[in-house]
């Protein structure tokens, strides 16, 4: 092989080698571009994530600030509430003392009322016996005298007023004491037929005024069976010890 041919062959080998190298370089460049593109995309996504993260941090910071302000406000409200609770506790304790005092006063008043009630009942009994004795002694059992005598002695002895109330079809004696409405049927003689009358009077008074606290029947003469019947109907009977 001549020298020219050898040089030519060498040139071809070199050219082929360079061509292969260029191809590899171009392929490497393409891959480098792809990697660079991927890196740029990753960098862009990272920047976006960083922006979102910074925005979220800013929002969280603002939310934490607002939450702190709310906590401060709530602490102030809690402090005020604690003061009010303490004041209410003291007020309740004072009220409990007053309630206890009022309870004691009511108990004392109830004792006095019971004593007055017993005194009035005993007085009715005594008056009934006195009037019955007068009637037995002098033969006087006048209805009007009996009623007027009982009413007058009640007013003078106990400081209460006995009023005659017209219920339309009937009349009834009423005694009002400490807010209690006490109906009184004052009669010299009470018969079994009179039971229906007092039941009607009680209902009329309930309809026209209010339900009476008590309904007392003061009679100089009444049969024991009638007394039992009246007591079974809720009436109180004060009668003479005389048969």
C-alpha atoms as a PDB file:
ATOM      1  CA  UNK A   1       0.000   0.000   0.000  1.00  0.00           C
ATOM      2  CA  UNK A   2       1.308   3.277  -0.988  1.00  0.00           C
ATOM      3  CA  UNK A   3       1.775   6.150   1.369  1.00  0.00           C
ATOM      4  CA  UNK A   4      -1.161   8.049  -0.100  1.00  0.00           C
ATOM      5  CA  UNK A   5      -3.449   5.140   0.380  1.00  0.00           C
ATOM      6  CA  UNK A   6      -2.294   4.720   3.939  1.00  0.00           C
ATOM      7  CA  UNK A   7      -2.909   8.384   4.653  1.00  0.00           C
ATOM      8  CA  UNK A   8      -6.296   8.195   3.044  1.00  0.00           C
ATOM      9  CA  UNK A   9      -7.218   5.170   5.090  1.00  0.00           C
ATOM     10  CA  UNK A  10      -5.994   6.863   8.236  1.00  0.00           C
ATOM     11  CA  UNK A  11      -8.075   9.941   7.461  1.00  0.00           C
ATOM     12  CA  UNK A  12     -11.140   7.790   7.028  1.00  0.00           C
ATOM     13  CA  UNK A  13     -10.500   6.055  10.311  1.00  0.00           C
ATOM     14  CA  UNK A  14     -10.043   9.395  12.028  1.00  0.00           C
ATOM     15  CA  UNK A  15     -13.145  10.794  10.367  1.00  0.00           C
ATOM     16  CA  UNK A  16     -15.171   7.766  11.419  1.00  0.00           C
ATOM     17  CA  UNK A  17     -13.859   7.969  14.954  1.00  0.00           C
ATOM     18  CA  UNK A  18     -14.623  11.687  15.130  1.00  0.00           C
ATOM     19  CA  UNK A  19     -18.028  11.104  13.636  1.00  0.00           C
ATOM     20  CA  UNK A  20     -18.761   8.526  16.320  1.00  0.00           C
ATOM     21  CA  UNK A  21     -17.475  10.836  18.989  1.00  0.00           C
ATOM     22  CA  UNK A  22     -19.564  13.693  17.639  1.00  0.00           C
ATOM     23  CA  UNK A  23     -22.597  11.450  17.606  1.00  0.00           C
ATOM     24  CA  UNK A  24     -21.938  10.473  21.214  1.00  0.00           C
ATOM     25  CA  UNK A  25     -21.375  14.127  22.129  1.00  0.00           C
ATOM     26  CA  UNK A  26     -24.583  15.161  20.411  1.00  0.00           C
ATOM     27  CA  UNK A  27     -26.457  12.368  22.210  1.00  0.00           C
ATOM     28  CA  UNK A  28     -24.851  13.438  25.475  1.00  0.00           C
ATOM     29  CA  UNK A  29     -25.824  17.015  24.746  1.00  0.00           C
ATOM     30  CA  UNK A  30     -29.405  15.957  24.039  1.00  0.00           C
ATOM     31  CA  UNK A  31     -29.532  13.969  27.275  1.00  0.00           C
ATOM     32  CA  UNK A  32     -27.924  16.908  29.088  1.00  0.00           C
ATOM     33  CA  UNK A  33     -30.614  19.189  27.649  1.00  0.00           C
ATOM     34  CA  UNK A  34     -33.305  16.767  28.815  1.00  0.00           C
ATOM     35  CA  UNK A  35     -31.736  16.578  32.267  1.00  0.00           C
ATOM     36  CA  UNK A  36     -31.470  20.344  32.329  1.00  0.00           C
ATOM     37  CA  UNK A  37     -35.119  20.637  31.319  1.00  0.00           C
ATOM     38  CA  UNK A  38     -36.103  18.218  34.065  1.00  0.00           C
ATOM     39  CA  UNK A  39     -33.981  20.138  36.540  1.00  0.00           C
ATOM     40  CA  UNK A  40     -35.587  23.405  35.424  1.00  0.00           C
ATOM     41  CA  UNK A  41     -39.049  21.846  35.846  1.00  0.00           C
ATOM     42  CA  UNK A  42     -38.086  20.557  39.258  1.00  0.00           C
ATOM     43  CA  UNK A  43     -36.693  23.956  40.177  1.00  0.00           C
ATOM     44  CA  UNK A  44     -39.916  25.624  38.975  1.00  0.00           C
ATOM     45  CA  UNK A  45     -42.050  23.197  40.972  1.00  0.00           C
ATOM     46  CA  UNK A  46     -39.800  23.728  43.955  1.00  0.00           C
ATOM     47  CA  UNK A  47     -40.196  27.479  43.600  1.00  0.00           C
ATOM     48  CA  UNK A  48     -43.975  27.060  43.349  1.00  0.00           C
ATOM     49  CA  UNK A  49     -43.982  24.864  46.413  1.00  0.00           C
ATOM     50  CA  UNK A  50     -41.771  27.365  48.175  1.00  0.00           C
ATOM     51  CA  UNK A  51     -44.166  30.175  47.245  1.00  0.00           C
ATOM     52  CA  UNK A  52     -47.122  28.170  48.514  1.00  0.00           C
ATOM     53  CA  UNK A  53     -45.229  27.293  51.647  1.00  0.00           C
ATOM     54  CA  UNK A  54     -44.317  30.931  52.265  1.00  0.00           C
ATOM     55  CA  UNK A  55     -47.953  31.910  51.686  1.00  0.00           C
ATOM     56  CA  UNK A  56     -49.140  29.172  54.059  1.00  0.00           C
ATOM     57  CA  UNK A  57     -46.604  30.278  56.667  1.00  0.00           C
ATOM     58  CA  UNK A  58     -47.810  33.882  56.320  1.00  0.00           C
ATOM     59  CA  UNK A  59     -51.436  32.766  56.665  1.00  0.00           C
ATOM     60  CA  UNK A  60     -50.598  30.582  59.653  1.00  0.00           C
ATOM     61  CA  UNK A  61     -48.696  33.452  61.214  1.00  0.00           C
ATOM     62  CA  UNK A  62     -51.739  35.701  60.781  1.00  0.00           C
ATOM     63  CA  UNK A  63     -54.030  32.984  62.108  1.00  0.00           C
ATOM     64  CA  UNK A  64     -51.756  32.466  65.116  1.00  0.00           C
ATOM     65  CA  UNK A  65     -51.763  36.207  65.720  1.00  0.00           C
ATOM     66  CA  UNK A  66     -55.566  36.347  65.551  1.00  0.00           C
ATOM     67  CA  UNK A  67     -55.823  33.283  67.756  1.00  0.00           C
ATOM     68  CA  UNK A  68     -53.526  34.937  70.267  1.00  0.00           C
ATOM     69  CA  UNK A  69     -55.749  38.025  70.255  1.00  0.00           C
ATOM     70  CA  UNK A  70     -58.812  35.841  70.776  1.00  0.00           C
ATOM     71  CA  UNK A  71     -57.086  34.022  73.625  1.00  0.00           C
ATOM     72  CA  UNK A  72     -56.240  37.371  75.223  1.00  0.00           C
ATOM     73  CA  UNK A  73     -59.841  38.489  74.795  1.00  0.00           C
ATOM     74  CA  UNK A  74     -61.125  35.231  76.248  1.00  0.00           C
ATOM     75  CA  UNK A  75     -58.749  35.556  79.200  1.00  0.00           C
ATOM     76  CA  UNK A  76     -60.186  38.999  79.891  1.00  0.00           C
ATOM     77  CA  UNK A  77     -63.716  37.605  79.674  1.00  0.00           C
ATOM     78  CA  UNK A  78     -62.772  34.695  81.929  1.00  0.00           C
ATOM     79  CA  UNK A  79     -61.325  37.120  84.476  1.00  0.00           C
ATOM     80  CA  UNK A  80     -64.531  39.165  84.387  1.00  0.00           C
ATOM     81  CA  UNK A  81     -66.609  36.012  84.624  1.00  0.00           C
ATOM     82  CA  UNK A  82     -64.629  34.859  87.650  1.00  0.00           C
ATOM     83  CA  UNK A  83     -65.315  38.215  89.290  1.00  0.00           C
ATOM     84  CA  UNK A  84     -69.038  37.891  88.518  1.00  0.00           C
ATOM     85  CA  UNK A  85     -69.082  34.299  89.790  1.00  0.00           C
ATOM     86  CA  UNK A  86     -67.458  35.453  93.011  1.00  0.00           C
ATOM     87  CA  UNK A  87     -69.975  38.282  93.321  1.00  0.00           C
ATOM     88  CA  UNK A  88     -72.852  35.900  92.600  1.00  0.00           C
ATOM     89  CA  UNK A  89     -71.469  33.437  95.126  1.00  0.00           C
ATOM     90  CA  UNK A  90     -71.405  36.136  97.765  1.00  0.00           C
ATOM     91  CA  UNK A  91     -74.899  37.274  96.766  1.00  0.00           C
ATOM     92  CA  UNK A  92     -76.161  33.678  96.960  1.00  0.00           C
ATOM     93  CA  UNK A  93     -74.603  33.264 100.390  1.00  0.00           C
ATOM     94  CA  UNK A  94     -76.315  36.459 101.557  1.00  0.00           C
ATOM     95  CA  UNK A  95     -79.560  35.270  99.998  1.00  0.00           C
ATOM     96  CA  UNK A  96     -79.234  31.926 101.739  1.00  0.00           C
ATOM     97  CA  UNK A  97     -78.815  33.770 105.032  1.00  0.00           C
ATOM     98  CA  UNK A  98     -81.934  35.829 104.281  1.00  0.00           C
ATOM     99  CA  UNK A  99     -83.837  32.703 103.245  1.00  0.00           C
ATOM    100  CA  UNK A 100     -82.817  31.046 106.491  1.00  0.00           C
ATOM    101  CA  UNK A 101     -83.909  34.122 108.427  1.00  0.00           C
ATOM    102  CA  UNK A 102     -87.191  34.228 106.499  1.00  0.00           C
ATOM    103  CA  UNK A 103     -87.681  30.509 107.094  1.00  0.00           C
ATOM    104  CA  UNK A 104     -87.229  31.028 110.818  1.00  0.00           C
ATOM    105  CA  UNK A 105     -89.580  34.019 110.713  1.00  0.00           C
ATOM    106  CA  UNK A 106     -92.153  31.971 108.775  1.00  0.00           C
ATOM    107  CA  UNK A 107     -91.864  29.137 111.271  1.00  0.00           C
ATOM    108  CA  UNK A 108     -92.442  31.587 114.121  1.00  0.00           C
ATOM    109  CA  UNK A 109     -95.362  33.088 112.210  1.00  0.00           C
ATOM    110  CA  UNK A 110     -96.801  29.635 111.594  1.00  0.00           C
ATOM    111  CA  UNK A 111     -96.593  28.936 115.320  1.00  0.00           C
ATOM    112  CA  UNK A 112     -98.396  32.217 116.026  1.00  0.00           C
ATOM    113  CA  UNK A 113    -101.011  31.439 113.376  1.00  0.00           C
ATOM    114  CA  UNK A 114    -101.523  27.974 114.845  1.00  0.00           C
ATOM    115  CA  UNK A 115    -101.837  29.511 118.287  1.00  0.00           C
ATOM    116  CA  UNK A 116    -104.319  32.077 116.961  1.00  0.00           C
ATOM    117  CA  UNK A 117    -106.209  29.365 115.125  1.00  0.00           C
ATOM    118  CA  UNK A 118    -106.404  27.271 118.260  1.00  0.00           C
ATOM    119  CA  UNK A 119    -107.391  30.327 120.258  1.00  0.00           C
ATOM    120  CA  UNK A 120    -110.161  31.102 117.780  1.00  0.00           C
ATOM    121  CA  UNK A 121    -111.321  27.489 117.788  1.00  0.00           C
ATOM    122  CA  UNK A 122    -111.333  27.403 121.580  1.00  0.00           C
ATOM    123  CA  UNK A 123    -113.129  30.723 121.552  1.00  0.00           C
ATOM    124  CA  UNK A 124    -115.777  29.375 119.206  1.00  0.00           C
ATOM    125  CA  UNK A 125    -116.206  26.388 121.458  1.00  0.00           C
ATOM    126  CA  UNK A 126    -116.466  28.519 124.559  1.00  0.00           C
ATOM    127  CA  UNK A 127    -118.899  30.897 122.900  1.00  0.00           C
ATOM    128  CA  UNK A 128    -121.005  28.013 121.662  1.00  0.00           C
ATOM    129  CA  UNK A 129    -121.245  26.609 125.151  1.00  0.00           C
ATOM    130  CA  UNK A 130    -122.013  30.021 126.643  1.00  0.00           C
ATOM    131  CA  UNK A 131    -124.780  30.714 124.151  1.00  0.00           C
ATOM    132  CA  UNK A 132    -126.145  27.195 124.490  1.00  0.00           C
ATOM    133  CA  UNK A 133    -126.181  27.579 128.284  1.00  0.00           C
ATOM    134  CA  UNK A 134    -128.013  30.879 127.932  1.00  0.00           C
ATOM    135  CA  UNK A 135    -130.535  29.293 125.623  1.00  0.00           C
ATOM    136  CA  UNK A 136    -131.027  26.322 127.936  1.00  0.00           C
ATOM    137  CA  UNK A 137    -131.309  28.589 130.950  1.00  0.00           C
ATOM    138  CA  UNK A 138    -133.701  31.160 129.457  1.00  0.00           C
ATOM    139  CA  UNK A 139    -135.238  29.124 126.646  1.00  0.00           C
ATOM    140  CA  UNK A 140    -133.869  31.555 124.063  1.00  0.00           C
ATOM    141  CA  UNK A 141    -132.534  30.130 120.779  1.00  0.00           C
ATOM    142  CA  UNK A 142    -133.128  33.063 118.425  1.00  0.00           C
ATOM    143  CA  UNK A 143    -131.122  32.734 115.181  1.00  0.00           C
ATOM    144  CA  UNK A 144    -130.438  36.463 114.812  1.00  0.00           C
ATOM    145  CA  UNK A 145    -129.350  36.895 118.445  1.00  0.00           C
ATOM    146  CA  UNK A 146    -127.049  33.856 118.144  1.00  0.00           C
ATOM    147  CA  UNK A 147    -125.317  35.123 114.981  1.00  0.00           C
ATOM    148  CA  UNK A 148    -124.937  38.714 116.173  1.00  0.00           C
ATOM    149  CA  UNK A 149    -123.568  37.596 119.542  1.00  0.00           C
ATOM    150  CA  UNK A 150    -120.946  35.308 117.971  1.00  0.00           C
ATOM    151  CA  UNK A 151    -119.861  37.984 115.441  1.00  0.00           C
ATOM    152  CA  UNK A 152    -119.617  40.712 118.101  1.00  0.00           C
ATOM    153  CA  UNK A 153    -117.585  38.574 120.497  1.00  0.00           C
ATOM    154  CA  UNK A 154    -115.214  37.572 117.685  1.00  0.00           C
ATOM    155  CA  UNK A 155    -114.598  41.192 116.717  1.00  0.00           C
ATOM    156  CA  UNK A 156    -114.013  42.302 120.308  1.00  0.00           C
ATOM    157  CA  UNK A 157    -112.009  39.287 121.449  1.00  0.00           C
ATOM    158  CA  UNK A 158    -109.787  38.663 118.404  1.00  0.00           C
ATOM    159  CA  UNK A 159    -109.763  41.931 116.485  1.00  0.00           C
ATOM    160  CA  UNK A 160    -111.206  40.396 113.332  1.00  0.00           C
ATOM    161  CA  UNK A 161    -114.135  41.568 111.279  1.00  0.00           C
ATOM    162  CA  UNK A 162    -116.999  39.264 110.427  1.00  0.00           C
ATOM    163  CA  UNK A 163    -118.788  40.422 107.292  1.00  0.00           C
ATOM    164  CA  UNK A 164    -122.094  39.268 105.917  1.00  0.00           C
ATOM    165  CA  UNK A 165    -121.636  38.539 102.191  1.00  0.00           C
ATOM    166  CA  UNK A 166    -124.542  38.288  99.766  1.00  0.00           C
ATOM    167  CA  UNK A 167    -123.924  35.453  97.291  1.00  0.00           C
ATOM    168  CA  UNK A 168    -127.119  36.129  95.325  1.00  0.00           C
ATOM    169  CA  UNK A 169    -129.244  33.208  96.435  1.00  0.00           C
ATOM    170  CA  UNK A 170    -127.562  32.828  99.823  1.00  0.00           C
ATOM    171  CA  UNK A 171    -125.717  34.824 102.477  1.00  0.00           C
ATOM    172  CA  UNK A 172    -122.595  33.791 104.366  1.00  0.00           C
ATOM    173  CA  UNK A 173    -120.464  35.226 107.183  1.00  0.00           C
ATOM    174  CA  UNK A 174    -116.846  35.765 106.102  1.00  0.00           C
ATOM    175  CA  UNK A 175    -113.790  36.294 108.308  1.00  0.00           C
ATOM    176  CA  UNK A 176    -110.605  37.476 106.558  1.00  0.00           C
ATOM    177  CA  UNK A 177    -107.407  37.145 108.621  1.00  0.00           C
ATOM    178  CA  UNK A 178    -103.802  37.236 107.306  1.00  0.00           C
ATOM    179  CA  UNK A 179    -105.054  36.607 103.766  1.00  0.00           C
ATOM    180  CA  UNK A 180    -107.065  33.554 104.788  1.00  0.00           C
ATOM    181  CA  UNK A 181    -110.738  33.529 103.833  1.00  0.00           C
ATOM    182  CA  UNK A 182    -112.669  31.698 106.529  1.00  0.00           C
ATOM    183  CA  UNK A 183    -116.366  31.105 105.970  1.00  0.00           C
ATOM    184  CA  UNK A 184    -118.552  30.839 109.071  1.00  0.00           C
ATOM    185  CA  UNK A 185    -122.032  29.455 109.234  1.00  0.00           C
ATOM    186  CA  UNK A 186    -123.433  30.696 112.548  1.00  0.00           C
ATOM    187  CA  UNK A 187    -126.690  29.043 113.459  1.00  0.00           C
ATOM    188  CA  UNK A 188    -128.583  28.114 116.602  1.00  0.00           C
ATOM    189  CA  UNK A 189    -129.694  24.765 115.156  1.00  0.00           C
ATOM    190  CA  UNK A 190    -128.160  22.853 112.265  1.00  0.00           C
ATOM    191  CA  UNK A 191    -130.300  20.190 110.624  1.00  0.00           C
ATOM    192  CA  UNK A 192    -129.376  17.424 108.185  1.00  0.00           C
ATOM    193  CA  UNK A 193    -131.150  19.309 105.405  1.00  0.00           C
ATOM    194  CA  UNK A 194    -128.769  22.220 105.929  1.00  0.00           C
ATOM    195  CA  UNK A 195    -125.785  20.166 104.671  1.00  0.00           C
ATOM    196  CA  UNK A 196    -126.767  20.788 101.038  1.00  0.00           C
ATOM    197  CA  UNK A 197    -127.048  24.519 101.762  1.00  0.00           C
ATOM    198  CA  UNK A 198    -123.529  24.930 103.161  1.00  0.00           C
ATOM    199  CA  UNK A 199    -122.068  22.866 100.307  1.00  0.00           C
ATOM    200  CA  UNK A 200    -123.809  25.226  97.867  1.00  0.00           C
ATOM    201  CA  UNK A 201    -122.566  28.299  99.743  1.00  0.00           C
ATOM    202  CA  UNK A 202    -118.974  27.053  99.648  1.00  0.00           C
ATOM    203  CA  UNK A 203    -119.193  26.488  95.898  1.00  0.00           C
ATOM    204  CA  UNK A 204    -120.790  29.924  95.313  1.00  0.00           C
ATOM    205  CA  UNK A 205    -118.017  31.615  97.296  1.00  0.00           C
ATOM    206  CA  UNK A 206    -115.372  29.670  95.370  1.00  0.00           C
ATOM    207  CA  UNK A 207    -116.924  30.712  92.046  1.00  0.00           C
ATOM    208  CA  UNK A 208    -117.438  34.374  92.970  1.00  0.00           C
ATOM    209  CA  UNK A 209    -114.418  35.115  95.198  1.00  0.00           C
ATOM    210  CA  UNK A 210    -111.902  32.323  95.773  1.00  0.00           C
ATOM    211  CA  UNK A 211    -111.646  28.938  97.401  1.00  0.00           C
ATOM    212  CA  UNK A 212    -112.019  29.461 101.174  1.00  0.00           C
ATOM    213  CA  UNK A 213    -109.196  28.397 103.480  1.00  0.00           C
ATOM    214  CA  UNK A 214    -111.655  26.994 105.983  1.00  0.00           C
ATOM    215  CA  UNK A 215    -115.421  26.632 106.428  1.00  0.00           C
ATOM    216  CA  UNK A 216    -116.483  26.611 110.071  1.00  0.00           C
ATOM    217  CA  UNK A 217    -119.985  25.773 111.256  1.00  0.00           C
ATOM    218  CA  UNK A 218    -120.780  27.098 114.733  1.00  0.00           C
ATOM    219  CA  UNK A 219    -124.008  25.561 115.995  1.00  0.00           C
ATOM    220  CA  UNK A 220    -125.583  25.467 119.401  1.00  0.00           C
ATOM    221  CA  UNK A 221    -127.502  22.322 118.499  1.00  0.00           C
ATOM    222  CA  UNK A 222    -126.475  19.692 115.916  1.00  0.00           C
ATOM    223  CA  UNK A 223    -126.814  15.916 115.724  1.00  0.00           C
ATOM    224  CA  UNK A 224    -123.621  13.877 115.981  1.00  0.00           C
ATOM    225  CA  UNK A 225    -124.337  12.077 112.672  1.00  0.00           C
ATOM    226  CA  UNK A 226    -124.681  15.413 110.896  1.00  0.00           C
ATOM    227  CA  UNK A 227    -121.388  16.525 112.464  1.00  0.00           C
ATOM    228  CA  UNK A 228    -119.636  13.437 111.108  1.00  0.00           C
ATOM    229  CA  UNK A 229    -121.157  13.997 107.665  1.00  0.00           C
ATOM    230  CA  UNK A 230    -119.962  17.621 107.600  1.00  0.00           C
ATOM    231  CA  UNK A 231    -116.446  16.707 108.709  1.00  0.00           C
ATOM    232  CA  UNK A 232    -116.328  14.096 105.951  1.00  0.00           C
ATOM    233  CA  UNK A 233    -117.110  16.884 103.462  1.00  0.00           C
ATOM    234  CA  UNK A 234    -114.232  19.058 104.725  1.00  0.00           C
ATOM    235  CA  UNK A 235    -116.170  21.315 107.093  1.00  0.00           C
ATOM    236  CA  UNK A 236    -115.122  22.160 110.651  1.00  0.00           C
ATOM    237  CA  UNK A 237    -117.864  21.919 113.227  1.00  0.00           C
ATOM    238  CA  UNK A 238    -117.917  23.765 116.543  1.00  0.00           C
ATOM    239  CA  UNK A 239    -120.782  22.620 118.682  1.00  0.00           C
ATOM    240  CA  UNK A 240    -121.987  22.897 122.209  1.00  0.00           C
ATOM    241  CA  UNK A 241    -121.060  20.254 124.765  1.00  0.00           C
ATOM    242  CA  UNK A 242    -124.714  20.286 125.817  1.00  0.00           C
ATOM    243  CA  UNK A 243    -126.790  17.403 124.471  1.00  0.00           C
END
